[in-house]
Amino acid sequence: MEQIDGRMPVLVGCGDVTDLDTPAEAGRSPYALIAQAAGLALRDCGVAGIGAVIDTVAMIRSFADNSPRFATTLGTSTNPPRSVAQRLGLNAARHVYSYSGGNMPQYLLNLFAEEIAGGRMRAVLLCGGEALRTQHGLERTGASGVWNEDPGGTPELIGDPRRGWNNHEDLHRMRAAIVMYPLFENAIRGARGRGIEAHQRHIGELMARFAAVAAANPLATRREGYTAEQLITVNERNRWIGYPYPRLMNANAFIDQAAAVVMTNVATARELGIARDRWVFLHGCADGHDHWYVGERADLHSSPAIRAASRQALAMAGKSLDQMQVFDLYSCFASAVQIGCQEIGLAEDDARGLTVTGGLPFFGGPGNNYVTHAISGMMRRLRAQPGDFGLVTANGNYVTKHSFGVYSTAAPAGPWRREAPSALQARLDALPKAPFTESPEGAATLETYTVMHGRDGPDFAVVFGRLDATGQRFIANLPDEPARLWDLQNRDSLGRPGRVQRAGDGRNIFVPH
């Protein structure tokens, strides 16, 4: 028998559900959908007794509970993880509901691994999902309150409760990911010195490689295998959302998807008789966030937190990037992939590939829970390739919160220990911030921008600029005039001069020359 510390945390079960076909009127609530995926994860452990030892059921926060854009009339549960646990007959003593963020599945596994290694937890079911396809279908019928549940108790809340945008950003219509990530994309284009057409081709080719993986994944929601040309060509089926992203280059959120994983310790896995070929170990991990608000960051094309945390996770595992055989990079938008590759030190066209699922635009972007699918997919891949190592990256908010996990079926040597995340965070917090003003006035130069579109054309623009006199950064909108908005988009407006001033409603308005 292998000599493995009995307190060593180990993943022993995984399960995923993607429902593309059930009519809305027959569709399940998110809690029923998540329970289905969780049931698959429990069965994947291969033993009958796993449910009896689970002392914690943790659920990733749903979009309806944290995002105004996805709020629903259908109701919610007063204790979502307990709603799932009751459907599975689990008598866990602890019910955890995360705060928002796409990093939270990996963040919670990192935390729970520490709890398990310290003897404070025996086994956890981590689960999450979204039923936004069904939600929108039911809402169109006028339904309300049908998903209200009160299973009793109050969940324990874990994570960072702060929203990802501040009041000044909100004033300028910057609360949504579909606005923020295009700003990063144009900043990346400027940093890499590309013209508009060349950069569009580049991101089309990058994301086409994700689409090819999704085409071969039966759990993916978009399996067409889009080419680069199809991804960047704007037409009725692929209209502009936030320039420079057409619809097919945005995370695909309006889907019904759920996933779950089970983690315990080696002693319990042996006691229950879980087969060794089901075990996947978390060898290294790390968590950290960049300066919280986008306007504070030194630039919009890099991430010191990704750079530092990815290296910390690999160092904990005792592995180099070259020793990873499999990757899943967080991929809500092409800008997230490019910044991730840049900071990790991974070529965007690395022959090992960048995803096990196909990524959020093509596999699916089920709210905050995508990374649970990535971990589940990574488990299956590594079980099929014993001894290989894989790296999962997770991103919350707007290239803000980052979590990493290094996985393998091979057992770690020695006890499981990690550096306190607060140590890394203190170093990240000490990094300089961009000089910023909420009340700019005068001549200025554009730093990055996006034009947001509705179905009938451009609606508004958001720009980041610098005052010529002081170098201070500011956020502004353009006048909401279609001709001006099209002009901003159709010209290469990086570095474009203009003037900024405060409008009567408190917003800053930039008028480019």
Protein backbone atom coordinates (compact mmCIF):
# COMPACT_ATOMS: atom_id res chain seq x y z
CA MET A 1 0.00 0.00 0.00
CA GLU A 2 1.18 3.53 -0.80
CA GLN A 3 2.45 5.50 2.16
CA ILE A 4 0.12 8.49 2.05
CA ASP A 5 -0.77 10.61 5.07
CA GLY A 6 -4.33 9.66 6.06
CA ARG A 7 -5.20 13.34 6.49
CA MET A 8 -4.25 14.11 2.89
CA PRO A 9 -7.19 15.75 1.03
CA VAL A 10 -8.29 13.88 -2.08
CA LEU A 11 -11.02 14.37 -4.69
CA VAL A 12 -12.99 11.17 -5.18
CA GLY A 13 -16.11 12.04 -7.20
CA CYS A 14 -17.30 14.36 -9.96
CA GLY A 15 -20.45 14.88 -11.98
CA ASP A 16 -21.84 17.27 -14.61
CA VAL A 17 -25.22 17.96 -16.20
CA THR A 18 -25.92 19.98 -19.33
CA ASP A 19 -29.60 20.24 -20.33
CA LEU A 20 -30.25 21.77 -23.74
CA ASP A 21 -33.64 20.27 -24.48
CA THR A 22 -36.10 20.14 -21.57
CA PRO A 23 -38.94 22.62 -22.26
CA ALA A 24 -39.08 25.51 -19.80
CA GLU A 25 -42.49 24.49 -18.44
CA ALA A 26 -41.03 21.08 -17.55
CA GLY A 27 -37.63 22.41 -16.50
CA ARG A 28 -36.11 21.90 -13.11
CA SER A 29 -35.29 24.56 -10.58
CA PRO A 30 -31.57 25.25 -10.18
CA TYR A 31 -31.63 23.29 -6.92
CA ALA A 32 -33.04 20.20 -8.63
CA LEU A 33 -30.55 20.55 -11.49
CA ILE A 34 -27.63 20.93 -9.08
CA ALA A 35 -28.87 17.96 -7.05
CA GLN A 36 -28.80 15.86 -10.22
CA ALA A 37 -25.15 16.76 -10.84
CA ALA A 38 -24.33 16.19 -7.17
CA GLY A 39 -25.96 12.78 -7.29
CA LEU A 40 -23.73 11.89 -10.23
CA ALA A 41 -20.67 13.00 -8.25
CA LEU A 42 -21.69 10.86 -5.27
CA ARG A 43 -22.22 7.84 -7.52
CA ASP A 44 -18.90 8.51 -9.23
CA CYS A 45 -17.19 7.73 -5.91
CA GLY A 46 -18.24 4.12 -6.48
CA VAL A 47 -19.30 3.33 -2.90
CA ALA A 48 -22.64 3.46 -1.09
CA GLY A 49 -21.39 5.02 2.12
CA ILE A 50 -20.06 8.35 0.87
CA GLY A 51 -23.21 10.31 1.67
CA ALA A 52 -23.09 9.34 5.34
CA VAL A 53 -19.64 10.90 5.89
CA ILE A 54 -20.25 14.23 4.16
CA ASP A 55 -20.29 16.83 6.90
CA THR A 56 -20.34 19.89 4.61
CA VAL A 57 -22.43 20.75 1.57
CA ALA A 58 -21.17 23.88 -0.17
CA MET A 59 -22.89 25.61 -3.08
CA ILE A 60 -21.60 28.31 -5.41
CA ARG A 61 -23.77 31.45 -5.37
CA SER A 62 -26.24 31.68 -8.23
CA PHE A 63 -26.33 34.68 -10.55
CA ALA A 64 -29.94 35.40 -9.56
CA ASP A 65 -28.78 35.97 -5.98
CA ASN A 66 -25.93 38.35 -6.78
CA SER A 67 -26.42 40.10 -10.13
CA PRO A 68 -29.17 42.63 -10.95
CA ARG A 69 -28.90 41.60 -14.58
CA PHE A 70 -29.99 38.04 -13.75
CA ALA A 71 -32.52 38.72 -10.97
CA THR A 72 -35.59 36.53 -11.27
CA THR A 73 -39.30 36.63 -10.44
CA LEU A 74 -39.26 32.87 -9.83
CA GLY A 75 -38.00 33.04 -6.26
CA THR A 76 -35.10 31.51 -4.39
CA SER A 77 -34.21 29.30 -1.46
CA THR A 78 -33.54 30.66 2.00
CA ASN A 79 -30.73 28.10 2.28
CA PRO A 80 -29.64 26.93 -1.21
CA PRO A 81 -27.05 24.30 -0.16
CA ARG A 82 -29.56 22.74 2.22
CA SER A 83 -32.16 22.63 -0.56
CA VAL A 84 -29.67 20.52 -2.52
CA ALA A 85 -28.68 18.40 0.48
CA GLN A 86 -32.29 17.53 1.30
CA ARG A 87 -32.92 16.31 -2.23
CA LEU A 88 -29.99 13.91 -1.81
CA GLY A 89 -30.85 12.79 1.72
CA LEU A 90 -27.63 14.25 3.14
CA ASN A 91 -27.56 15.16 6.84
CA ALA A 92 -24.54 17.46 6.71
CA ALA A 93 -23.97 19.60 9.78
CA ARG A 94 -22.61 22.51 7.76
CA HIS A 95 -24.16 24.30 4.77
CA VAL A 96 -21.97 26.83 2.96
CA TYR A 97 -23.12 29.35 0.35
CA SER A 98 -20.35 31.26 -1.41
CA TYR A 99 -20.20 34.92 -2.20
CA SER A 100 -19.97 35.70 -5.91
CA GLY A 101 -17.03 35.15 -8.23
CA GLY A 102 -15.90 32.72 -10.89
CA ASN A 103 -12.88 31.97 -8.69
CA MET A 104 -15.03 30.55 -5.90
CA PRO A 105 -15.08 26.83 -6.85
CA GLN A 106 -11.26 26.65 -6.75
CA TYR A 107 -11.09 29.06 -3.80
CA LEU A 108 -13.41 26.83 -1.76
CA LEU A 109 -11.57 23.64 -2.69
CA ASN A 110 -8.31 25.26 -1.59
CA LEU A 111 -9.93 26.24 1.70
CA PHE A 112 -11.61 22.88 2.24
CA ALA A 113 -8.39 21.01 1.49
CA GLU A 114 -6.81 22.95 4.32
CA GLU A 115 -9.75 22.13 6.60
CA ILE A 116 -9.54 18.44 5.74
CA ALA A 117 -5.76 18.30 6.21
CA GLY A 118 -6.19 19.98 9.60
CA GLY A 119 -8.80 17.45 10.73
CA ARG A 120 -11.60 20.03 10.90
CA MET A 121 -13.64 18.51 8.06
CA ARG A 122 -14.12 14.92 6.93
CA ALA A 123 -15.83 15.20 3.56
CA VAL A 124 -17.41 17.94 1.46
CA LEU A 125 -19.76 18.04 -1.50
CA LEU A 126 -19.06 21.18 -3.54
CA CYS A 127 -21.73 21.95 -6.12
CA GLY A 128 -23.31 24.70 -8.19
CA GLY A 129 -25.10 25.50 -11.39
CA GLU A 130 -27.53 27.72 -13.26
CA ALA A 131 -30.90 27.20 -14.89
CA LEU A 132 -31.00 30.53 -16.73
CA ARG A 133 -32.38 28.97 -19.94
CA THR A 134 -35.34 27.59 -17.99
CA GLN A 135 -35.58 30.75 -15.88
CA HIS A 136 -36.04 32.98 -18.90
CA GLY A 137 -38.52 30.58 -20.47
CA LEU A 138 -40.66 30.52 -17.34
CA GLU A 139 -40.44 34.28 -16.85
CA ARG A 140 -41.83 34.79 -20.35
CA THR A 141 -44.97 32.90 -19.23
CA GLY A 142 -45.44 35.30 -16.30
CA ALA A 143 -44.55 32.71 -13.66
CA SER A 144 -43.45 33.95 -10.25
CA GLY A 145 -42.43 32.41 -6.94
CA VAL A 146 -42.28 28.84 -8.22
CA TRP A 147 -38.69 28.39 -7.03
CA ASN A 148 -39.25 29.68 -3.51
CA GLU A 149 -38.03 27.20 -0.87
CA ASP A 150 -37.47 27.33 2.87
CA PRO A 151 -35.54 24.20 3.86
CA GLY A 152 -34.67 25.66 7.25
CA GLY A 153 -31.49 27.01 8.74
CA THR A 154 -29.17 29.73 7.52
CA PRO A 155 -26.18 29.02 5.29
CA GLU A 156 -22.65 29.99 6.26
CA LEU A 157 -21.37 32.63 3.82
CA ILE A 158 -17.77 32.36 2.59
CA GLY A 159 -15.82 34.62 0.25
CA ASP A 160 -15.54 38.36 -0.27
CA PRO A 161 -18.89 40.18 -0.07
CA ARG A 162 -17.72 43.29 -1.92
CA ARG A 163 -19.25 43.90 -5.31
CA GLY A 164 -16.80 44.15 -8.20
CA TRP A 165 -17.50 47.74 -9.18
CA ASN A 166 -17.65 51.01 -7.26
CA ASN A 167 -20.26 53.75 -7.41
CA HIS A 168 -18.26 55.85 -9.86
CA GLU A 169 -17.92 52.91 -12.26
CA ASP A 170 -21.62 52.16 -11.81
CA LEU A 171 -22.48 55.76 -12.70
CA HIS A 172 -20.68 55.23 -16.02
CA ARG A 173 -22.56 51.94 -16.71
CA MET A 174 -19.62 49.66 -15.93
CA ARG A 175 -21.16 47.05 -13.64
CA ALA A 176 -21.31 44.15 -16.16
CA ALA A 177 -18.62 41.77 -17.40
CA ILE A 178 -19.75 42.41 -20.98
CA VAL A 179 -18.60 46.02 -20.50
CA MET A 180 -15.41 45.42 -18.51
CA TYR A 181 -13.70 42.71 -20.57
CA PRO A 182 -13.84 44.61 -23.89
CA LEU A 183 -11.96 47.43 -22.13
CA PHE A 184 -9.22 44.93 -21.29
CA GLU A 185 -9.22 43.64 -24.87
CA ASN A 186 -8.52 47.00 -26.45
CA ALA A 187 -5.85 47.69 -23.83
CA ILE A 188 -4.18 44.39 -24.77
CA ARG A 189 -4.30 45.36 -28.44
CA GLY A 190 -2.56 48.63 -27.63
CA ALA A 191 0.09 46.96 -25.48
CA ARG A 192 0.86 44.49 -28.27
CA GLY A 193 0.94 47.12 -31.01
CA ARG A 194 -1.69 45.54 -33.26
CA GLY A 195 -4.11 47.21 -35.61
CA ILE A 196 -7.81 46.45 -35.36
CA GLU A 197 -7.99 43.86 -38.16
CA ALA A 198 -4.86 41.99 -37.10
CA HIS A 199 -6.02 41.82 -33.50
CA GLN A 200 -9.50 40.62 -34.44
CA ARG A 201 -7.93 37.81 -36.44
CA HIS A 202 -5.69 36.96 -33.49
CA ILE A 203 -8.50 36.66 -30.95
CA GLY A 204 -10.63 34.78 -33.48
CA GLU A 205 -7.88 32.20 -33.94
CA LEU A 206 -7.33 31.99 -30.18
CA MET A 207 -10.97 31.30 -29.38
CA ALA A 208 -11.47 28.97 -32.36
CA ARG A 209 -9.10 26.57 -30.58
CA PHE A 210 -11.49 26.58 -27.60
CA ALA A 211 -14.45 26.05 -29.93
CA ALA A 212 -12.71 22.99 -31.41
CA VAL A 213 -12.43 21.40 -27.96
CA ALA A 214 -16.10 22.14 -27.23
CA ALA A 215 -17.10 20.50 -30.52
CA ALA A 216 -15.78 17.18 -29.19
CA ASN A 217 -17.29 17.58 -25.70
CA PRO A 218 -20.80 16.10 -25.33
CA LEU A 219 -21.40 18.36 -22.31
CA ALA A 220 -20.75 21.58 -24.26
CA THR A 221 -23.59 23.93 -25.18
CA ARG A 222 -22.13 25.20 -28.48
CA ARG A 223 -20.63 22.29 -30.40
CA GLU A 224 -20.52 23.84 -33.87
CA GLY A 225 -16.72 24.10 -33.86
CA TYR A 226 -16.69 27.72 -35.02
CA THR A 227 -13.79 28.88 -37.17
CA ALA A 228 -11.91 32.09 -36.48
CA GLU A 229 -13.68 33.73 -39.41
CA GLN A 230 -17.09 32.75 -38.07
CA LEU A 231 -16.27 34.10 -34.61
CA ILE A 232 -15.21 37.55 -35.78
CA THR A 233 -17.70 38.03 -38.62
CA VAL A 234 -20.60 40.21 -37.48
CA ASN A 235 -24.04 39.25 -38.79
CA GLU A 236 -27.60 38.71 -37.52
CA ARG A 237 -26.61 35.62 -35.53
CA ASN A 238 -23.35 37.12 -34.29
CA ARG A 239 -24.15 40.76 -33.59
CA TRP A 240 -21.96 43.15 -31.65
CA ILE A 241 -22.30 42.99 -27.86
CA GLY A 242 -19.40 45.04 -26.48
CA TYR A 243 -16.84 46.04 -29.11
CA PRO A 244 -14.55 44.27 -30.02
CA TYR A 245 -16.60 41.16 -29.11
CA PRO A 246 -19.44 39.80 -31.22
CA ARG A 247 -21.96 37.55 -29.48
CA LEU A 248 -20.09 34.26 -30.02
CA MET A 249 -17.03 35.61 -28.20
CA ASN A 250 -18.96 36.23 -24.98
CA ALA A 251 -19.42 33.73 -22.17
CA ASN A 252 -22.59 31.73 -22.85
CA ALA A 253 -24.63 32.31 -19.68
CA PHE A 254 -28.23 31.52 -20.65
CA ILE A 255 -27.93 27.77 -20.24
CA ASP A 256 -28.90 24.99 -17.83
CA GLN A 257 -25.69 23.47 -16.43
CA ALA A 258 -24.58 22.11 -13.06
CA ALA A 259 -21.54 20.33 -11.67
CA ALA A 260 -20.30 18.89 -8.38
CA VAL A 261 -17.19 17.31 -6.85
CA VAL A 262 -16.56 15.36 -3.65
CA MET A 263 -13.45 15.79 -1.50
CA THR A 264 -12.47 13.78 1.58
CA ASN A 265 -9.26 12.53 3.19
CA VAL A 266 -7.22 9.47 2.26
CA ALA A 267 -8.13 7.65 5.49
CA THR A 268 -11.85 7.99 4.75
CA ALA A 269 -11.39 7.05 1.11
CA ARG A 270 -9.65 3.85 2.22
CA GLU A 271 -12.19 3.14 4.94
CA LEU A 272 -15.07 3.42 2.47
CA GLY A 273 -13.27 1.37 -0.16
CA ILE A 274 -13.15 4.07 -2.83
CA ALA A 275 -11.01 2.67 -5.61
CA ARG A 276 -7.54 4.17 -5.92
CA ASP A 277 -8.11 4.95 -9.60
CA ARG A 278 -10.83 7.45 -8.56
CA TRP A 279 -8.43 9.57 -6.46
CA VAL A 280 -7.21 12.97 -7.68
CA PHE A 281 -5.00 15.08 -5.42
CA LEU A 282 -4.68 18.85 -5.09
CA HIS A 283 -0.89 19.23 -5.11
CA GLY A 284 -0.66 23.01 -5.11
CA CYS A 285 -2.98 25.97 -4.78
CA ALA A 286 -3.02 29.73 -4.33
CA ASP A 287 -5.46 32.64 -4.07
CA GLY A 288 -5.01 36.37 -4.52
CA HIS A 289 -6.64 39.41 -6.02
CA ASP A 290 -5.49 42.41 -7.99
CA HIS A 291 -6.44 45.92 -6.92
CA TRP A 292 -10.16 45.56 -6.43
CA TYR A 293 -11.56 48.19 -8.77
CA VAL A 294 -10.52 48.24 -12.40
CA GLY A 295 -9.84 51.98 -12.38
CA GLU A 296 -7.19 51.53 -9.66
CA ARG A 297 -4.94 49.21 -11.63
CA ALA A 298 -1.61 50.32 -13.05
CA ASP A 299 -2.73 49.13 -16.49
CA LEU A 300 -5.55 47.13 -18.03
CA HIS A 301 -3.49 44.53 -19.87
CA SER A 302 -1.73 42.67 -17.03
CA SER A 303 -2.42 40.94 -13.71
CA PRO A 304 0.24 40.85 -10.98
CA ALA A 305 -2.03 38.53 -8.98
CA ILE A 306 -2.17 35.90 -11.73
CA ARG A 307 1.59 36.09 -12.12
CA ALA A 308 2.34 35.67 -8.40
CA ALA A 309 -0.42 33.20 -7.49
CA SER A 310 0.22 30.84 -10.42
CA ARG A 311 3.87 30.61 -9.44
CA GLN A 312 2.96 30.01 -5.82
CA ALA A 313 0.62 27.14 -6.75
CA LEU A 314 3.27 25.49 -8.92
CA ALA A 315 5.93 25.96 -6.25
CA MET A 316 3.68 24.34 -3.63
CA ALA A 317 3.27 21.37 -5.97
CA GLY A 318 7.01 21.25 -6.59
CA LYS A 319 6.41 21.43 -10.33
CA SER A 320 7.26 23.74 -13.21
CA LEU A 321 4.94 24.90 -15.96
CA ASP A 322 6.75 22.55 -18.35
CA GLN A 323 5.69 19.62 -16.13
CA MET A 324 1.98 20.33 -16.64
CA GLN A 325 0.36 18.12 -19.26
CA VAL A 326 -3.16 19.59 -19.08
CA PHE A 327 -4.60 23.07 -18.58
CA ASP A 328 -7.91 24.76 -18.13
CA LEU A 329 -7.56 28.53 -18.28
CA TYR A 330 -10.48 30.70 -17.30
CA SER A 331 -11.95 31.92 -20.57
CA CYS A 332 -15.02 34.12 -20.12
CA PHE A 333 -13.59 36.40 -22.81
CA ALA A 334 -10.48 36.36 -24.99
CA SER A 335 -8.90 39.09 -22.84
CA ALA A 336 -8.97 36.82 -19.78
CA VAL A 337 -7.20 34.08 -21.73
CA GLN A 338 -4.53 36.42 -23.09
CA ILE A 339 -3.77 37.98 -19.72
CA GLY A 340 -3.73 34.53 -18.12
CA CYS A 341 -1.29 33.13 -20.66
CA GLN A 342 0.92 36.20 -20.46
CA GLU A 343 1.21 36.12 -16.66
CA ILE A 344 1.53 32.35 -16.29
CA GLY A 345 4.14 32.23 -19.06
CA LEU A 346 2.14 29.99 -21.39
CA ALA A 347 2.06 30.41 -25.16
CA GLU A 348 -1.45 31.05 -26.45
CA ASP A 349 -0.96 28.34 -29.09
CA ASP A 350 0.72 25.85 -26.72
CA ALA A 351 0.42 22.36 -28.18
CA ARG A 352 -0.93 21.03 -24.87
CA GLY A 353 -4.05 23.14 -25.31
CA LEU A 354 -5.62 25.65 -22.94
CA THR A 355 -8.91 23.97 -21.98
CA VAL A 356 -10.39 20.61 -21.07
CA THR A 357 -13.98 21.76 -21.53
CA GLY A 358 -14.05 24.16 -24.48
CA GLY A 359 -14.30 27.33 -22.40
CA LEU A 360 -17.10 29.59 -21.27
CA PRO A 361 -18.26 30.87 -24.70
CA PHE A 362 -18.61 27.33 -26.11
CA PHE A 363 -18.76 24.80 -23.28
CA GLY A 364 -20.94 27.17 -21.30
CA GLY A 365 -20.64 29.82 -18.65
CA PRO A 366 -22.98 28.76 -15.83
CA GLY A 367 -22.63 31.84 -13.65
CA ASN A 368 -20.02 31.57 -10.94
CA ASN A 369 -19.83 27.78 -11.29
CA TYR A 370 -17.87 27.21 -14.51
CA VAL A 371 -14.69 26.20 -12.67
CA THR A 372 -16.50 23.32 -10.94
CA HIS A 373 -17.02 21.94 -14.45
CA ALA A 374 -13.35 22.60 -15.23
CA ILE A 375 -12.24 20.68 -12.12
CA SER A 376 -14.66 17.85 -12.90
CA GLY A 377 -13.35 17.68 -16.46
CA MET A 378 -9.77 17.83 -15.20
CA MET A 379 -10.47 14.90 -12.86
CA ARG A 380 -11.73 12.75 -15.72
CA ARG A 381 -8.77 13.70 -17.92
CA LEU A 382 -6.21 12.91 -15.23
CA ARG A 383 -7.88 9.61 -14.30
CA ALA A 384 -7.48 8.63 -17.95
CA GLN A 385 -3.80 9.68 -17.87
CA PRO A 386 -2.51 8.51 -14.46
CA GLY A 387 0.51 10.43 -13.24
CA ASP A 388 -0.05 13.49 -15.45
CA PHE A 389 -0.43 16.94 -13.88
CA GLY A 390 -3.00 19.60 -14.68
CA LEU A 391 -3.39 23.29 -13.85
CA VAL A 392 -6.81 24.91 -13.37
CA THR A 393 -7.11 28.70 -13.21
CA ALA A 394 -10.13 30.60 -11.88
CA ASN A 395 -11.09 34.25 -12.25
CA GLY A 396 -13.71 36.25 -10.36
CA ASN A 397 -15.22 39.63 -11.17
CA TYR A 398 -13.13 41.54 -13.74
CA VAL A 399 -9.67 39.93 -13.85
CA THR A 400 -9.88 40.64 -10.11
CA LYS A 401 -9.96 37.51 -7.92
CA HIS A 402 -7.76 34.56 -8.86
CA SER A 403 -7.47 30.99 -7.63
CA PHE A 404 -5.27 28.15 -8.87
CA GLY A 405 -5.13 24.39 -8.44
CA VAL A 406 -2.51 21.86 -9.52
CA TYR A 407 -3.96 18.34 -9.79
CA SER A 408 -2.73 14.78 -10.35
CA THR A 409 -3.61 11.17 -9.56
CA ALA A 410 -0.06 10.81 -8.23
CA ALA A 411 0.10 11.22 -4.46
CA PRO A 412 1.90 14.21 -2.93
CA ALA A 413 4.87 13.53 -0.69
CA GLY A 414 4.55 14.49 2.97
CA PRO A 415 1.71 16.38 4.66
CA TRP A 416 -0.52 18.92 2.90
CA ARG A 417 0.44 22.49 3.80
CA ARG A 418 0.08 25.86 2.11
CA GLU A 419 1.26 29.36 2.87
CA ALA A 420 -1.43 31.58 4.37
CA PRO A 421 -3.12 33.43 1.47
CA SER A 422 -2.90 36.65 3.47
CA ALA A 423 0.89 36.73 2.98
CA LEU A 424 0.60 36.85 -0.81
CA GLN A 425 -2.29 39.29 -0.61
CA ALA A 426 -0.26 41.71 1.50
CA ARG A 427 2.39 41.79 -1.23
CA LEU A 428 -0.23 42.39 -3.92
CA ASP A 429 -1.94 45.13 -1.93
CA ALA A 430 1.38 46.98 -1.65
CA LEU A 431 1.70 47.37 -5.43
CA PRO A 432 1.22 50.91 -6.80
CA LYS A 433 -2.13 52.11 -8.10
CA ALA A 434 -2.83 54.38 -11.05
CA PRO A 435 -3.38 58.05 -10.19
CA PHE A 436 -7.14 58.61 -10.56
CA THR A 437 -9.65 61.42 -10.52
CA GLU A 438 -13.44 61.26 -10.46
CA SER A 439 -13.74 64.86 -11.68
CA PRO A 440 -11.50 65.31 -14.74
CA GLU A 441 -11.50 68.48 -16.79
CA GLY A 442 -9.60 69.42 -19.93
CA ALA A 443 -7.47 67.93 -22.67
CA ALA A 444 -7.06 64.17 -22.46
CA THR A 445 -5.97 61.03 -24.32
CA LEU A 446 -7.84 57.73 -24.63
CA GLU A 447 -6.28 54.75 -22.83
CA THR A 448 -8.89 52.12 -23.76
CA TYR A 449 -12.55 52.01 -24.73
CA THR A 450 -15.57 49.95 -25.69
CA VAL A 451 -18.83 50.60 -27.52
CA MET A 452 -21.84 48.71 -26.15
CA HIS A 453 -24.52 47.62 -28.59
CA GLY A 454 -28.19 46.77 -28.45
CA ARG A 455 -30.05 44.90 -31.15
CA ASP A 456 -30.47 48.05 -33.22
CA GLY A 457 -26.96 49.47 -33.00
CA PRO A 458 -24.63 51.19 -30.53
CA ASP A 459 -26.13 52.31 -27.21
CA PHE A 460 -23.27 53.88 -25.28
CA ALA A 461 -19.48 53.94 -24.91
CA VAL A 462 -17.18 53.67 -21.92
CA VAL A 463 -13.66 55.06 -22.09
CA PHE A 464 -10.63 55.14 -19.84
CA GLY A 465 -8.40 58.13 -20.45
CA ARG A 466 -5.54 60.15 -19.01
CA LEU A 467 -5.51 63.89 -18.44
CA ASP A 468 -2.75 65.48 -20.48
CA ALA A 469 -1.84 67.92 -17.73
CA THR A 470 -1.53 65.53 -14.79
CA GLY A 471 -1.48 61.96 -16.16
CA GLN A 472 -4.44 61.08 -13.94
CA ARG A 473 -6.75 58.35 -15.17
CA PHE A 474 -10.47 58.97 -15.53
CA ILE A 475 -13.58 57.08 -16.60
CA ALA A 476 -16.07 58.68 -18.97
CA ASN A 477 -18.86 58.07 -21.43
CA LEU A 478 -19.24 59.59 -24.86
CA PRO A 479 -22.33 61.56 -25.81
CA ASP A 480 -24.99 58.96 -26.68
CA GLU A 481 -25.03 59.85 -30.36
CA PRO A 482 -24.87 56.94 -32.86
CA ALA A 483 -22.56 58.78 -35.27
CA ARG A 484 -20.03 59.50 -32.50
CA LEU A 485 -20.25 55.92 -31.20
CA TRP A 486 -19.70 54.41 -34.64
CA ASP A 487 -16.79 56.79 -35.22
CA LEU A 488 -15.15 55.69 -31.96
CA GLN A 489 -15.51 52.04 -32.96
CA ASN A 490 -14.61 52.26 -36.63
CA ARG A 491 -11.39 54.21 -36.09
CA ASP A 492 -8.40 53.00 -34.12
CA SER A 493 -9.14 55.20 -31.12
CA LEU A 494 -6.33 54.08 -28.81
CA GLY A 495 -4.30 57.17 -27.97
CA ARG A 496 -6.91 59.42 -29.51
CA PRO A 497 -7.00 62.99 -28.15
CA GLY A 498 -10.09 64.81 -26.94
CA ARG A 499 -11.60 66.73 -24.05
CA VAL A 500 -13.37 65.54 -20.93
CA GLN A 501 -15.72 67.38 -18.59
CA ARG A 502 -18.42 66.69 -15.99
CA ALA A 503 -22.03 66.52 -17.20
CA GLY A 504 -25.08 67.67 -15.26
CA ASP A 505 -25.93 64.13 -14.12
CA GLY A 506 -22.50 63.67 -12.55
CA ARG A 507 -21.03 61.55 -15.33
CA ASN A 508 -17.82 62.46 -17.11
CA ILE A 509 -18.25 63.00 -20.86
CA PHE A 510 -15.32 62.59 -23.26
CA VAL A 511 -15.53 64.12 -26.73
CA PRO A 512 -12.79 62.76 -29.02
CA HIS A 513 -11.19 64.88 -31.70
